[in-house]
Amino acid sequence: MNTPQSLVFVVDDDEPIRKAFSRLLGSAGYVVQTFGCAGDFLACADLTSQPACLLLDLGLPDLSGIALQRRLPCRVPTIFVSGHVGARAAIAAMKAGATDFLLKPVDEAPLLEAVERALALARQLFEQRAQNAEIQRRVAQLTPREREVMALVVAGRPNKLVADELGAAEKTIKIHRARVMEKMRAGSLADLVRLAERADLDSPAAERGDALAGSAEGRRFA
């Protein structure tokens, strides 16, 4: 997969600082977008179409940096910067998931190192989201019965037991299972289990599998 170009968002209400960060990061080869307040950033920034990190002032006029980070729709590696901050605020920022915390004035080398660390993580997160989206696309191609079969198969049920629990012929279950493997692009049962773990399968199918398994256990021990 070709990963799109990475992006650095700078959110700081101090215009000279925004310009200085933008010049420095731009000269280092990064694509930069700047915002003067949290509201503009939340309204305009595209956080999902490319790997991105956030260089974020802790004390914005409309929202604190931590409050802004909590409103993000997805995880964005964040470097907090501040001109004057106590240990409590720094600890709160790190607990909120900051990748780094830098004090203004920020030296060039630490800033660039922090941005590269944050973007390395951003690329990993972007690829994970893309892979998960592809898995969801495959799951969406399954019929309701195929989803039921998949839920039971990944739970370890053999074809005969799946057939009994779903009231179908074992031959039919084998056909459904083969279609599930094909649509999910799984080369083995282990592959299918890994894909299922990453997929947000509808709970009714899984719950039905658990309930049917429970009733089967009850029949065995009745």
N, C-alpha and C. Protein backbone atom coordinates (compact mmCIF):
# COMPACT_ATOMS: atom_id res chain seq x y z
N MET A 1 0.84 -1.18 0.00
CA MET A 1 0.00 0.00 0.00
C MET A 1 0.88 1.24 0.00
N ASN A 2 0.60 2.21 -0.89
CA ASN A 2 1.33 3.47 -0.92
C ASN A 2 0.73 4.42 0.11
N THR A 3 1.52 4.77 1.12
CA THR A 3 1.04 5.66 2.17
C THR A 3 1.08 7.10 1.68
N PRO A 4 -0.03 7.86 1.82
CA PRO A 4 -0.03 9.26 1.40
C PRO A 4 1.00 10.07 2.16
N GLN A 5 1.31 11.26 1.65
CA GLN A 5 2.30 12.12 2.28
C GLN A 5 1.85 12.51 3.68
N SER A 6 2.81 12.54 4.61
CA SER A 6 2.50 12.88 5.99
C SER A 6 2.32 14.38 6.15
N LEU A 7 1.58 14.75 7.20
CA LEU A 7 1.21 16.14 7.41
C LEU A 7 1.42 16.51 8.87
N VAL A 8 1.92 17.71 9.10
CA VAL A 8 2.08 18.24 10.46
C VAL A 8 1.10 19.39 10.65
N PHE A 9 0.19 19.26 11.62
CA PHE A 9 -0.70 20.35 11.99
C PHE A 9 -0.07 21.14 13.14
N VAL A 10 -0.07 22.45 13.01
CA VAL A 10 0.42 23.32 14.08
C VAL A 10 -0.77 24.15 14.57
N VAL A 11 -1.08 24.02 15.85
CA VAL A 11 -2.18 24.80 16.44
C VAL A 11 -1.61 25.63 17.58
N ASP A 12 -1.53 26.96 17.35
CA ASP A 12 -0.96 27.87 18.34
C ASP A 12 -1.55 29.25 18.10
N ASP A 13 -1.96 29.95 19.16
CA ASP A 13 -2.58 31.25 18.99
C ASP A 13 -1.57 32.37 18.78
N ASP A 14 -0.28 32.07 18.91
CA ASP A 14 0.78 33.06 18.70
C ASP A 14 1.24 32.99 17.24
N GLU A 15 0.88 34.03 16.46
CA GLU A 15 1.16 33.99 15.02
C GLU A 15 2.65 33.90 14.70
N PRO A 16 3.52 34.65 15.36
CA PRO A 16 4.96 34.51 15.07
C PRO A 16 5.47 33.10 15.33
N ILE A 17 4.97 32.46 16.37
CA ILE A 17 5.39 31.09 16.66
C ILE A 17 4.88 30.15 15.58
N ARG A 18 3.63 30.34 15.16
CA ARG A 18 3.09 29.49 14.07
C ARG A 18 3.95 29.61 12.83
N LYS A 19 4.31 30.84 12.47
CA LYS A 19 5.12 31.06 11.28
C LYS A 19 6.50 30.46 11.43
N ALA A 20 7.08 30.58 12.63
CA ALA A 20 8.42 30.03 12.85
C ALA A 20 8.39 28.51 12.75
N PHE A 21 7.39 27.88 13.36
CA PHE A 21 7.26 26.43 13.26
C PHE A 21 7.05 26.01 11.81
N SER A 22 6.21 26.75 11.10
CA SER A 22 5.91 26.40 9.71
C SER A 22 7.15 26.51 8.84
N ARG A 23 7.93 27.57 9.02
CA ARG A 23 9.16 27.72 8.23
C ARG A 23 10.15 26.61 8.52
N LEU A 24 10.34 26.32 9.81
CA LEU A 24 11.31 25.30 10.19
C LEU A 24 10.89 23.93 9.66
N LEU A 25 9.65 23.56 9.87
CA LEU A 25 9.19 22.25 9.43
C LEU A 25 9.15 22.16 7.91
N GLY A 26 8.76 23.25 7.26
CA GLY A 26 8.74 23.26 5.80
C GLY A 26 10.13 23.11 5.22
N SER A 27 11.12 23.78 5.83
CA SER A 27 12.49 23.67 5.34
C SER A 27 13.05 22.26 5.55
N ALA A 28 12.47 21.51 6.52
CA ALA A 28 12.90 20.14 6.76
C ALA A 28 12.15 19.14 5.87
N GLY A 29 11.27 19.65 5.01
CA GLY A 29 10.59 18.79 4.05
C GLY A 29 9.20 18.33 4.46
N TYR A 30 8.67 18.85 5.55
CA TYR A 30 7.35 18.45 6.00
C TYR A 30 6.28 19.34 5.38
N VAL A 31 5.10 18.74 5.15
CA VAL A 31 3.93 19.51 4.75
C VAL A 31 3.24 20.00 6.02
N VAL A 32 2.97 21.30 6.10
CA VAL A 32 2.49 21.91 7.35
C VAL A 32 1.19 22.67 7.09
N GLN A 33 0.24 22.53 8.02
CA GLN A 33 -0.95 23.38 8.05
C GLN A 33 -1.04 24.00 9.43
N THR A 34 -1.32 25.30 9.49
CA THR A 34 -1.35 26.00 10.77
C THR A 34 -2.76 26.54 11.07
N PHE A 35 -3.05 26.60 12.37
CA PHE A 35 -4.33 27.11 12.85
C PHE A 35 -4.08 27.94 14.11
N GLY A 36 -4.90 29.01 14.26
CA GLY A 36 -4.71 29.89 15.39
C GLY A 36 -5.55 29.56 16.61
N CYS A 37 -6.50 28.64 16.44
CA CYS A 37 -7.34 28.28 17.59
C CYS A 37 -7.88 26.87 17.40
N ALA A 38 -8.39 26.29 18.46
CA ALA A 38 -8.89 24.93 18.43
C ALA A 38 -10.12 24.82 17.52
N GLY A 39 -10.99 25.84 17.55
CA GLY A 39 -12.21 25.78 16.75
C GLY A 39 -11.92 25.68 15.27
N ASP A 40 -10.98 26.50 14.78
CA ASP A 40 -10.64 26.45 13.35
C ASP A 40 -10.05 25.08 12.99
N PHE A 41 -9.22 24.56 13.86
CA PHE A 41 -8.61 23.26 13.59
C PHE A 41 -9.68 22.17 13.51
N LEU A 42 -10.58 22.13 14.49
CA LEU A 42 -11.62 21.10 14.49
C LEU A 42 -12.55 21.22 13.30
N ALA A 43 -12.77 22.45 12.83
CA ALA A 43 -13.69 22.67 11.72
C ALA A 43 -13.07 22.34 10.37
N CYS A 44 -11.75 22.49 10.25
CA CYS A 44 -11.14 22.43 8.92
C CYS A 44 -10.14 21.30 8.70
N ALA A 45 -9.54 20.78 9.74
CA ALA A 45 -8.46 19.82 9.56
C ALA A 45 -8.98 18.46 9.12
N ASP A 46 -8.33 17.89 8.12
CA ASP A 46 -8.64 16.53 7.65
C ASP A 46 -7.68 15.58 8.35
N LEU A 47 -8.21 14.77 9.27
CA LEU A 47 -7.37 13.92 10.10
C LEU A 47 -7.33 12.46 9.65
N THR A 48 -8.04 12.13 8.58
CA THR A 48 -8.18 10.72 8.22
C THR A 48 -7.60 10.33 6.87
N SER A 49 -7.36 11.28 5.97
CA SER A 49 -6.96 10.91 4.62
C SER A 49 -5.44 10.78 4.46
N GLN A 50 -4.67 11.12 5.50
CA GLN A 50 -3.22 10.98 5.43
C GLN A 50 -2.68 10.85 6.85
N PRO A 51 -1.48 10.26 6.99
CA PRO A 51 -0.86 10.23 8.31
C PRO A 51 -0.58 11.66 8.76
N ALA A 52 -0.86 11.95 10.03
CA ALA A 52 -0.68 13.32 10.51
C ALA A 52 -0.32 13.31 11.99
N CYS A 53 0.47 14.32 12.38
CA CYS A 53 0.72 14.55 13.80
C CYS A 53 0.33 15.98 14.11
N LEU A 54 0.27 16.29 15.38
CA LEU A 54 -0.24 17.57 15.84
C LEU A 54 0.77 18.22 16.78
N LEU A 55 1.19 19.43 16.43
CA LEU A 55 2.05 20.25 17.28
C LEU A 55 1.12 21.26 17.94
N LEU A 56 0.85 21.08 19.22
CA LEU A 56 -0.30 21.71 19.86
C LEU A 56 0.10 22.52 21.09
N ASP A 57 -0.27 23.79 21.07
CA ASP A 57 -0.05 24.65 22.23
C ASP A 57 -0.99 24.21 23.35
N LEU A 58 -0.45 24.10 24.55
CA LEU A 58 -1.26 23.63 25.68
C LEU A 58 -2.31 24.64 26.09
N GLY A 59 -2.01 25.94 25.92
CA GLY A 59 -2.93 26.97 26.41
C GLY A 59 -3.56 27.78 25.29
N LEU A 60 -4.51 27.21 24.58
CA LEU A 60 -5.21 27.93 23.51
C LEU A 60 -6.32 28.80 24.11
N PRO A 61 -6.75 29.85 23.39
CA PRO A 61 -7.75 30.76 23.97
C PRO A 61 -9.15 30.17 24.07
N ASP A 62 -9.52 29.26 23.16
CA ASP A 62 -10.89 28.75 23.17
C ASP A 62 -11.02 27.38 23.84
N LEU A 63 -10.00 26.54 23.70
CA LEU A 63 -9.98 25.23 24.35
C LEU A 63 -8.56 24.97 24.81
N SER A 64 -8.41 24.26 25.90
CA SER A 64 -7.06 23.85 26.27
C SER A 64 -6.58 22.80 25.28
N GLY A 65 -5.27 22.64 25.17
CA GLY A 65 -4.74 21.63 24.27
C GLY A 65 -5.24 20.24 24.61
N ILE A 66 -5.33 19.94 25.89
CA ILE A 66 -5.80 18.61 26.31
C ILE A 66 -7.26 18.43 25.94
N ALA A 67 -8.08 19.47 26.13
CA ALA A 67 -9.50 19.39 25.76
C ALA A 67 -9.65 19.18 24.25
N LEU A 68 -8.81 19.86 23.48
CA LEU A 68 -8.86 19.68 22.02
C LEU A 68 -8.49 18.25 21.66
N GLN A 69 -7.45 17.74 22.25
CA GLN A 69 -7.03 16.39 21.93
C GLN A 69 -8.14 15.38 22.20
N ARG A 70 -8.88 15.60 23.27
CA ARG A 70 -9.96 14.67 23.64
C ARG A 70 -11.11 14.72 22.65
N ARG A 71 -11.22 15.79 21.87
CA ARG A 71 -12.30 15.91 20.89
C ARG A 71 -11.94 15.35 19.52
N LEU A 72 -10.73 14.91 19.34
CA LEU A 72 -10.32 14.41 18.03
C LEU A 72 -11.09 13.14 17.69
N PRO A 73 -11.50 12.97 16.43
CA PRO A 73 -12.28 11.79 16.04
C PRO A 73 -11.47 10.51 15.94
N CYS A 74 -10.16 10.62 15.91
CA CYS A 74 -9.29 9.46 15.87
C CYS A 74 -8.00 9.81 16.59
N ARG A 75 -7.19 8.81 16.84
CA ARG A 75 -5.94 9.06 17.55
C ARG A 75 -4.95 9.77 16.63
N VAL A 76 -4.46 10.91 17.06
CA VAL A 76 -3.46 11.68 16.32
C VAL A 76 -2.26 11.90 17.24
N PRO A 77 -1.08 11.39 16.90
CA PRO A 77 0.09 11.61 17.74
C PRO A 77 0.31 13.10 17.97
N THR A 78 0.42 13.48 19.23
CA THR A 78 0.41 14.90 19.59
C THR A 78 1.66 15.29 20.38
N ILE A 79 2.27 16.39 19.94
CA ILE A 79 3.39 17.00 20.66
C ILE A 79 2.86 18.28 21.31
N PHE A 80 2.81 18.32 22.63
CA PHE A 80 2.37 19.53 23.32
C PHE A 80 3.54 20.48 23.47
N VAL A 81 3.27 21.77 23.29
CA VAL A 81 4.28 22.80 23.53
C VAL A 81 3.66 23.86 24.44
N SER A 82 4.50 24.45 25.29
CA SER A 82 4.01 25.48 26.20
C SER A 82 5.16 26.38 26.62
N GLY A 83 4.84 27.66 26.86
CA GLY A 83 5.86 28.61 27.28
C GLY A 83 6.11 28.57 28.77
N HIS A 84 5.10 28.23 29.54
CA HIS A 84 5.25 28.17 30.99
C HIS A 84 4.23 27.15 31.51
N VAL A 85 4.73 26.12 32.13
CA VAL A 85 3.83 25.06 32.57
C VAL A 85 4.42 24.38 33.79
N GLY A 86 3.55 23.98 34.69
CA GLY A 86 3.99 23.25 35.87
C GLY A 86 4.04 21.77 35.61
N ALA A 87 4.59 21.06 36.57
CA ALA A 87 4.72 19.61 36.43
C ALA A 87 3.37 18.94 36.30
N ARG A 88 2.36 19.47 37.02
CA ARG A 88 1.04 18.84 36.96
C ARG A 88 0.46 18.87 35.55
N ALA A 89 0.59 20.02 34.88
CA ALA A 89 0.07 20.13 33.51
C ALA A 89 0.83 19.23 32.56
N ALA A 90 2.14 19.16 32.74
CA ALA A 90 2.94 18.29 31.88
C ALA A 90 2.55 16.83 32.06
N ILE A 91 2.34 16.44 33.30
CA ILE A 91 1.93 15.05 33.57
C ILE A 91 0.56 14.77 32.97
N ALA A 92 -0.36 15.75 33.10
CA ALA A 92 -1.70 15.58 32.53
C ALA A 92 -1.63 15.42 31.02
N ALA A 93 -0.74 16.19 30.38
CA ALA A 93 -0.60 16.09 28.92
C ALA A 93 -0.08 14.72 28.51
N MET A 94 0.90 14.21 29.24
CA MET A 94 1.45 12.91 28.90
C MET A 94 0.41 11.81 29.15
N LYS A 95 -0.35 11.95 30.23
CA LYS A 95 -1.41 10.97 30.49
C LYS A 95 -2.49 11.02 29.43
N ALA A 96 -2.68 12.19 28.81
CA ALA A 96 -3.68 12.32 27.74
C ALA A 96 -3.21 11.68 26.44
N GLY A 97 -1.96 11.22 26.42
CA GLY A 97 -1.48 10.50 25.24
C GLY A 97 -0.48 11.26 24.40
N ALA A 98 0.09 12.32 24.94
CA ALA A 98 1.09 13.08 24.17
C ALA A 98 2.30 12.20 23.87
N THR A 99 2.84 12.36 22.68
CA THR A 99 4.08 11.65 22.35
C THR A 99 5.30 12.38 22.88
N ASP A 100 5.20 13.72 23.02
CA ASP A 100 6.29 14.52 23.58
C ASP A 100 5.72 15.78 24.20
N PHE A 101 6.50 16.41 25.06
CA PHE A 101 6.13 17.68 25.67
C PHE A 101 7.36 18.58 25.59
N LEU A 102 7.23 19.72 24.91
CA LEU A 102 8.36 20.63 24.69
C LEU A 102 8.05 22.01 25.27
N LEU A 103 9.07 22.63 25.85
CA LEU A 103 8.92 23.97 26.40
C LEU A 103 9.41 25.01 25.39
N LYS A 104 8.64 26.08 25.26
CA LYS A 104 9.05 27.22 24.43
C LYS A 104 10.09 28.04 25.18
N PRO A 105 11.05 28.63 24.49
CA PRO A 105 11.33 28.47 23.06
C PRO A 105 11.91 27.09 22.77
N VAL A 106 11.42 26.49 21.68
CA VAL A 106 11.80 25.13 21.34
C VAL A 106 13.01 25.15 20.43
N ASP A 107 14.02 24.39 20.79
CA ASP A 107 15.20 24.27 19.93
C ASP A 107 14.87 23.43 18.70
N GLU A 108 15.59 23.70 17.62
CA GLU A 108 15.30 23.06 16.34
C GLU A 108 15.43 21.54 16.39
N ALA A 109 16.55 21.04 16.91
CA ALA A 109 16.80 19.60 16.87
C ALA A 109 15.76 18.80 17.66
N PRO A 110 15.44 19.18 18.92
CA PRO A 110 14.43 18.42 19.66
C PRO A 110 13.06 18.44 18.98
N LEU A 111 12.72 19.58 18.38
CA LEU A 111 11.43 19.68 17.70
C LEU A 111 11.36 18.73 16.52
N LEU A 112 12.38 18.74 15.67
CA LEU A 112 12.37 17.88 14.49
C LEU A 112 12.39 16.40 14.89
N GLU A 113 13.13 16.07 15.94
CA GLU A 113 13.16 14.69 16.41
C GLU A 113 11.78 14.27 16.93
N ALA A 114 11.13 15.18 17.66
CA ALA A 114 9.80 14.86 18.19
C ALA A 114 8.79 14.69 17.07
N VAL A 115 8.87 15.54 16.05
CA VAL A 115 7.94 15.44 14.91
C VAL A 115 8.16 14.14 14.16
N GLU A 116 9.39 13.73 13.96
CA GLU A 116 9.64 12.49 13.23
C GLU A 116 9.15 11.29 14.02
N ARG A 117 9.32 11.32 15.34
CA ARG A 117 8.78 10.22 16.16
C ARG A 117 7.27 10.17 16.06
N ALA A 118 6.64 11.34 16.13
CA ALA A 118 5.19 11.38 16.07
C ALA A 118 4.67 10.92 14.70
N LEU A 119 5.36 11.31 13.63
CA LEU A 119 4.91 10.90 12.30
C LEU A 119 5.16 9.42 12.05
N ALA A 120 6.21 8.87 12.63
CA ALA A 120 6.43 7.43 12.50
C ALA A 120 5.26 6.67 13.10
N LEU A 121 4.80 7.12 14.27
CA LEU A 121 3.62 6.51 14.89
C LEU A 121 2.38 6.76 14.05
N ALA A 122 2.26 7.97 13.50
CA ALA A 122 1.09 8.31 12.68
C ALA A 122 0.99 7.41 11.46
N ARG A 123 2.12 7.08 10.85
CA ARG A 123 2.09 6.19 9.69
C ARG A 123 1.63 4.79 10.07
N GLN A 124 2.08 4.32 11.22
CA GLN A 124 1.63 3.01 11.69
C GLN A 124 0.12 3.00 11.93
N LEU A 125 -0.37 4.05 12.59
CA LEU A 125 -1.81 4.14 12.88
C LEU A 125 -2.62 4.24 11.59
N PHE A 126 -2.11 5.00 10.63
CA PHE A 126 -2.81 5.16 9.35
C PHE A 126 -2.93 3.82 8.63
N GLU A 127 -1.83 3.07 8.60
CA GLU A 127 -1.85 1.76 7.94
C GLU A 127 -2.79 0.79 8.66
N GLN A 128 -2.81 0.85 9.99
CA GLN A 128 -3.73 -0.01 10.74
C GLN A 128 -5.17 0.33 10.42
N ARG A 129 -5.49 1.63 10.35
CA ARG A 129 -6.86 2.03 10.02
C ARG A 129 -7.24 1.59 8.61
N ALA A 130 -6.29 1.70 7.68
CA ALA A 130 -6.55 1.27 6.30
C ALA A 130 -6.79 -0.23 6.23
N GLN A 131 -5.98 -0.99 6.96
CA GLN A 131 -6.15 -2.45 6.99
C GLN A 131 -7.49 -2.82 7.62
N ASN A 132 -7.85 -2.15 8.70
CA ASN A 132 -9.14 -2.44 9.35
C ASN A 132 -10.31 -2.08 8.44
N ALA A 133 -10.17 -0.99 7.69
CA ALA A 133 -11.24 -0.62 6.75
C ALA A 133 -11.39 -1.67 5.66
N GLU A 134 -10.27 -2.21 5.19
CA GLU A 134 -10.34 -3.27 4.18
C GLU A 134 -11.01 -4.52 4.74
N ILE A 135 -10.70 -4.87 5.98
CA ILE A 135 -11.34 -6.03 6.60
C ILE A 135 -12.84 -5.79 6.72
N GLN A 136 -13.24 -4.59 7.12
CA GLN A 136 -14.67 -4.27 7.22
C GLN A 136 -15.34 -4.37 5.85
N ARG A 137 -14.62 -3.97 4.81
CA ARG A 137 -15.19 -4.07 3.45
C ARG A 137 -15.45 -5.53 3.10
N ARG A 138 -14.52 -6.41 3.46
CA ARG A 138 -14.70 -7.84 3.19
C ARG A 138 -15.87 -8.39 3.99
N VAL A 139 -15.97 -8.01 5.24
CA VAL A 139 -17.06 -8.49 6.08
C VAL A 139 -18.41 -8.05 5.50
N ALA A 140 -18.46 -6.83 4.98
CA ALA A 140 -19.70 -6.31 4.42
C ALA A 140 -20.18 -7.12 3.22
N GLN A 141 -19.28 -7.87 2.57
CA GLN A 141 -19.66 -8.68 1.42
C GLN A 141 -20.33 -9.99 1.83
N LEU A 142 -20.22 -10.36 3.10
CA LEU A 142 -20.80 -11.62 3.57
C LEU A 142 -22.31 -11.50 3.69
N THR A 143 -23.01 -12.58 3.36
CA THR A 143 -24.44 -12.63 3.60
C THR A 143 -24.68 -12.84 5.09
N PRO A 144 -25.91 -12.59 5.57
CA PRO A 144 -26.19 -12.84 7.00
C PRO A 144 -25.88 -14.27 7.41
N ARG A 145 -26.19 -15.26 6.57
CA ARG A 145 -25.90 -16.64 6.93
C ARG A 145 -24.39 -16.90 6.95
N GLU A 146 -23.67 -16.29 6.01
CA GLU A 146 -22.21 -16.45 6.00
C GLU A 146 -21.58 -15.83 7.24
N ARG A 147 -22.14 -14.73 7.72
CA ARG A 147 -21.64 -14.13 8.95
C ARG A 147 -21.88 -15.05 10.14
N GLU A 148 -23.04 -15.70 10.16
CA GLU A 148 -23.33 -16.66 11.23
C GLU A 148 -22.35 -17.82 11.18
N VAL A 149 -22.13 -18.33 10.00
CA VAL A 149 -21.18 -19.44 9.84
C VAL A 149 -19.79 -19.01 10.27
N MET A 150 -19.38 -17.82 9.87
CA MET A 150 -18.05 -17.34 10.23
C MET A 150 -17.91 -17.23 11.75
N ALA A 151 -18.93 -16.67 12.41
CA ALA A 151 -18.85 -16.50 13.86
C ALA A 151 -18.68 -17.85 14.56
N LEU A 152 -19.38 -18.87 14.07
CA LEU A 152 -19.29 -20.19 14.70
C LEU A 152 -17.99 -20.89 14.35
N VAL A 153 -17.54 -20.72 13.12
CA VAL A 153 -16.31 -21.38 12.69
C VAL A 153 -15.11 -20.81 13.47
N VAL A 154 -15.04 -19.49 13.60
CA VAL A 154 -13.90 -18.91 14.32
C VAL A 154 -13.97 -19.21 15.81
N ALA A 155 -15.16 -19.58 16.30
CA ALA A 155 -15.29 -19.99 17.69
C ALA A 155 -14.86 -21.44 17.89
N GLY A 156 -14.48 -22.11 16.79
CA GLY A 156 -13.95 -23.46 16.90
C GLY A 156 -14.94 -24.56 16.65
N ARG A 157 -16.13 -24.23 16.15
CA ARG A 157 -17.14 -25.26 15.90
C ARG A 157 -16.81 -26.03 14.61
N PRO A 158 -16.82 -27.33 14.61
CA PRO A 158 -16.65 -28.09 13.37
C PRO A 158 -17.89 -27.96 12.49
N ASN A 159 -17.73 -28.31 11.22
CA ASN A 159 -18.84 -28.13 10.27
C ASN A 159 -20.11 -28.84 10.71
N LYS A 160 -19.99 -30.05 11.23
CA LYS A 160 -21.17 -30.83 11.63
C LYS A 160 -21.94 -30.11 12.74
N LEU A 161 -21.20 -29.58 13.71
CA LEU A 161 -21.88 -28.88 14.81
C LEU A 161 -22.48 -27.57 14.33
N VAL A 162 -21.79 -26.88 13.43
CA VAL A 162 -22.35 -25.65 12.85
C VAL A 162 -23.65 -25.97 12.12
N ALA A 163 -23.64 -27.07 11.37
CA ALA A 163 -24.85 -27.48 10.64
C ALA A 163 -25.98 -27.77 11.60
N ASP A 164 -25.69 -28.49 12.68
CA ASP A 164 -26.74 -28.82 13.66
C ASP A 164 -27.30 -27.55 14.30
N GLU A 165 -26.42 -26.65 14.67
CA GLU A 165 -26.86 -25.44 15.37
C GLU A 165 -27.65 -24.49 14.47
N LEU A 166 -27.32 -24.47 13.17
CA LEU A 166 -28.03 -23.58 12.25
C LEU A 166 -29.16 -24.28 11.51
N GLY A 167 -29.34 -25.58 11.77
CA GLY A 167 -30.43 -26.32 11.12
C GLY A 167 -30.23 -26.45 9.64
N ALA A 168 -29.00 -26.71 9.22
CA ALA A 168 -28.69 -26.83 7.80
C ALA A 168 -27.92 -28.12 7.56
N ALA A 169 -27.84 -28.51 6.30
CA ALA A 169 -27.06 -29.69 5.95
C ALA A 169 -25.57 -29.37 6.05
N GLU A 170 -24.79 -30.37 6.43
CA GLU A 170 -23.35 -30.14 6.56
C GLU A 170 -22.74 -29.73 5.22
N LYS A 171 -23.24 -30.29 4.13
CA LYS A 171 -22.74 -29.92 2.80
C LYS A 171 -22.96 -28.43 2.54
N THR A 172 -24.12 -27.93 2.96
CA THR A 172 -24.42 -26.51 2.78
C THR A 172 -23.46 -25.65 3.59
N ILE A 173 -23.17 -26.08 4.81
CA ILE A 173 -22.25 -25.34 5.67
C ILE A 173 -20.86 -25.30 5.03
N LYS A 174 -20.43 -26.40 4.44
CA LYS A 174 -19.13 -26.43 3.77
C LYS A 174 -19.08 -25.40 2.64
N ILE A 175 -20.19 -25.27 1.92
CA ILE A 175 -20.24 -24.28 0.83
C ILE A 175 -20.15 -22.87 1.40
N HIS A 176 -20.92 -22.61 2.48
CA HIS A 176 -20.87 -21.28 3.11
C HIS A 176 -19.47 -20.99 3.63
N ARG A 177 -18.86 -22.00 4.25
CA ARG A 177 -17.52 -21.80 4.82
C ARG A 177 -16.51 -21.47 3.72
N ALA A 178 -16.61 -22.16 2.59
CA ALA A 178 -15.70 -21.89 1.48
C ALA A 178 -15.89 -20.47 0.95
N ARG A 179 -17.13 -20.02 0.90
CA ARG A 179 -17.40 -18.67 0.43
C ARG A 179 -16.87 -17.63 1.42
N VAL A 180 -17.00 -17.92 2.71
CA VAL A 180 -16.48 -17.02 3.73
C VAL A 180 -14.96 -16.90 3.57
N MET A 181 -14.28 -18.03 3.40
CA MET A 181 -12.83 -18.00 3.25
C MET A 181 -12.43 -17.19 2.02
N GLU A 182 -13.18 -17.36 0.95
CA GLU A 182 -12.87 -16.64 -0.30
C GLU A 182 -13.10 -15.14 -0.14
N LYS A 183 -14.26 -14.76 0.40
CA LYS A 183 -14.59 -13.34 0.52
C LYS A 183 -13.67 -12.63 1.52
N MET A 184 -13.30 -13.33 2.58
CA MET A 184 -12.41 -12.75 3.57
C MET A 184 -10.94 -12.83 3.17
N ARG A 185 -10.67 -13.54 2.07
CA ARG A 185 -9.30 -13.74 1.58
C ARG A 185 -8.43 -14.37 2.68
N ALA A 186 -8.98 -15.38 3.30
CA ALA A 186 -8.27 -16.10 4.36
C ALA A 186 -7.71 -17.39 3.79
N GLY A 187 -6.42 -17.61 3.97
CA GLY A 187 -5.80 -18.81 3.45
C GLY A 187 -5.90 -19.99 4.37
N SER A 188 -6.30 -19.74 5.62
CA SER A 188 -6.41 -20.81 6.60
C SER A 188 -7.38 -20.39 7.69
N LEU A 189 -7.75 -21.35 8.53
CA LEU A 189 -8.62 -21.01 9.65
C LEU A 189 -7.95 -20.01 10.58
N ALA A 190 -6.64 -20.15 10.78
CA ALA A 190 -5.91 -19.20 11.63
C ALA A 190 -6.01 -17.78 11.06
N ASP A 191 -5.90 -17.65 9.72
CA ASP A 191 -6.04 -16.35 9.08
C ASP A 191 -7.43 -15.78 9.34
N LEU A 192 -8.45 -16.64 9.22
CA LEU A 192 -9.83 -16.19 9.42
C LEU A 192 -10.04 -15.72 10.86
N VAL A 193 -9.48 -16.44 11.80
CA VAL A 193 -9.60 -16.04 13.21
C VAL A 193 -8.97 -14.67 13.43
N ARG A 194 -7.78 -14.45 12.85
CA ARG A 194 -7.11 -13.15 13.01
C ARG A 194 -7.93 -12.03 12.38
N LEU A 195 -8.52 -12.31 11.22
CA LEU A 195 -9.35 -11.29 10.58
C LEU A 195 -10.59 -11.00 11.41
N ALA A 196 -11.20 -12.04 11.96
CA ALA A 196 -12.40 -11.87 12.78
C ALA A 196 -12.11 -11.06 14.03
N GLU A 197 -10.92 -11.25 14.59
CA GLU A 197 -10.54 -10.50 15.79
C GLU A 197 -10.43 -9.01 15.50
N ARG A 198 -10.06 -8.67 14.28
CA ARG A 198 -9.91 -7.27 13.91
C ARG A 198 -11.18 -6.66 13.34
N ALA A 199 -12.15 -7.52 13.01
CA ALA A 199 -13.39 -7.03 12.41
C ALA A 199 -14.42 -6.74 13.50
N ASP A 200 -15.24 -5.76 13.24
CA ASP A 200 -16.33 -5.44 14.16
C ASP A 200 -17.55 -6.21 13.70
N LEU A 201 -17.57 -7.51 13.97
CA LEU A 201 -18.68 -8.34 13.55
C LEU A 201 -19.92 -7.97 14.33
N ASP A 202 -21.07 -8.05 13.67
CA ASP A 202 -22.33 -7.77 14.35
C ASP A 202 -22.47 -8.71 15.53
N SER A 203 -22.83 -8.16 16.66
CA SER A 203 -22.96 -8.99 17.86
C SER A 203 -24.05 -10.04 17.77
N PRO A 204 -25.20 -9.83 17.07
CA PRO A 204 -26.21 -10.88 17.05
C PRO A 204 -25.69 -12.22 16.55
N ALA A 205 -24.82 -12.20 15.52
CA ALA A 205 -24.31 -13.47 15.01
C ALA A 205 -23.45 -14.16 16.06
N ALA A 206 -22.56 -13.37 16.67
CA ALA A 206 -21.70 -13.96 17.68
C ALA A 206 -22.50 -14.41 18.88
N GLU A 207 -23.47 -13.56 19.29
CA GLU A 207 -24.29 -13.93 20.44
C GLU A 207 -25.10 -15.17 20.14
N ARG A 208 -25.59 -15.27 18.89
CA ARG A 208 -26.35 -16.46 18.55
C ARG A 208 -25.47 -17.69 18.62
N GLY A 209 -24.21 -17.53 18.15
CA GLY A 209 -23.28 -18.64 18.24
C GLY A 209 -23.06 -19.07 19.66
N ASP A 210 -22.90 -18.09 20.59
CA ASP A 210 -22.69 -18.43 22.00
C ASP A 210 -23.93 -19.09 22.58
N ALA A 211 -25.10 -18.53 22.23
CA ALA A 211 -26.32 -19.10 22.78
C ALA A 211 -26.54 -20.51 22.28
N LEU A 212 -26.31 -20.72 20.98
CA LEU A 212 -26.49 -22.05 20.42
C LEU A 212 -25.49 -23.04 21.00
N ALA A 213 -24.26 -22.53 21.22
CA ALA A 213 -23.26 -23.40 21.83
C ALA A 213 -23.69 -23.81 23.23
N GLY A 214 -24.28 -22.82 23.96
CA GLY A 214 -24.74 -23.13 25.30
C GLY A 214 -25.84 -24.17 25.29
N SER A 215 -26.79 -24.02 24.32
CA SER A 215 -27.86 -25.00 24.24
C SER A 215 -27.34 -26.36 23.85
N ALA A 216 -26.30 -26.36 22.98
CA ALA A 216 -25.71 -27.64 22.59
C ALA A 216 -25.05 -28.31 23.78
N GLU A 217 -24.37 -27.51 24.61
CA GLU A 217 -23.75 -28.06 25.79
C GLU A 217 -24.82 -28.64 26.71
N GLY A 218 -25.95 -27.88 26.79
CA GLY A 218 -27.04 -28.37 27.65
C GLY A 218 -27.57 -29.70 27.14
N ARG A 219 -27.67 -29.84 25.80
CA ARG A 219 -28.19 -31.11 25.26
C ARG A 219 -27.22 -32.24 25.55
N ARG A 220 -25.90 -31.93 25.48
CA ARG A 220 -24.91 -32.98 25.71
C ARG A 220 -24.98 -33.53 27.15
N PHE A 221 -25.21 -32.58 28.09
CA PHE A 221 -25.14 -32.99 29.48
C PHE A 221 -26.52 -33.20 30.12
N ALA A 222 -27.57 -33.09 29.29
CA ALA A 222 -28.91 -33.30 29.82
C ALA A 222 -29.12 -34.78 30.16
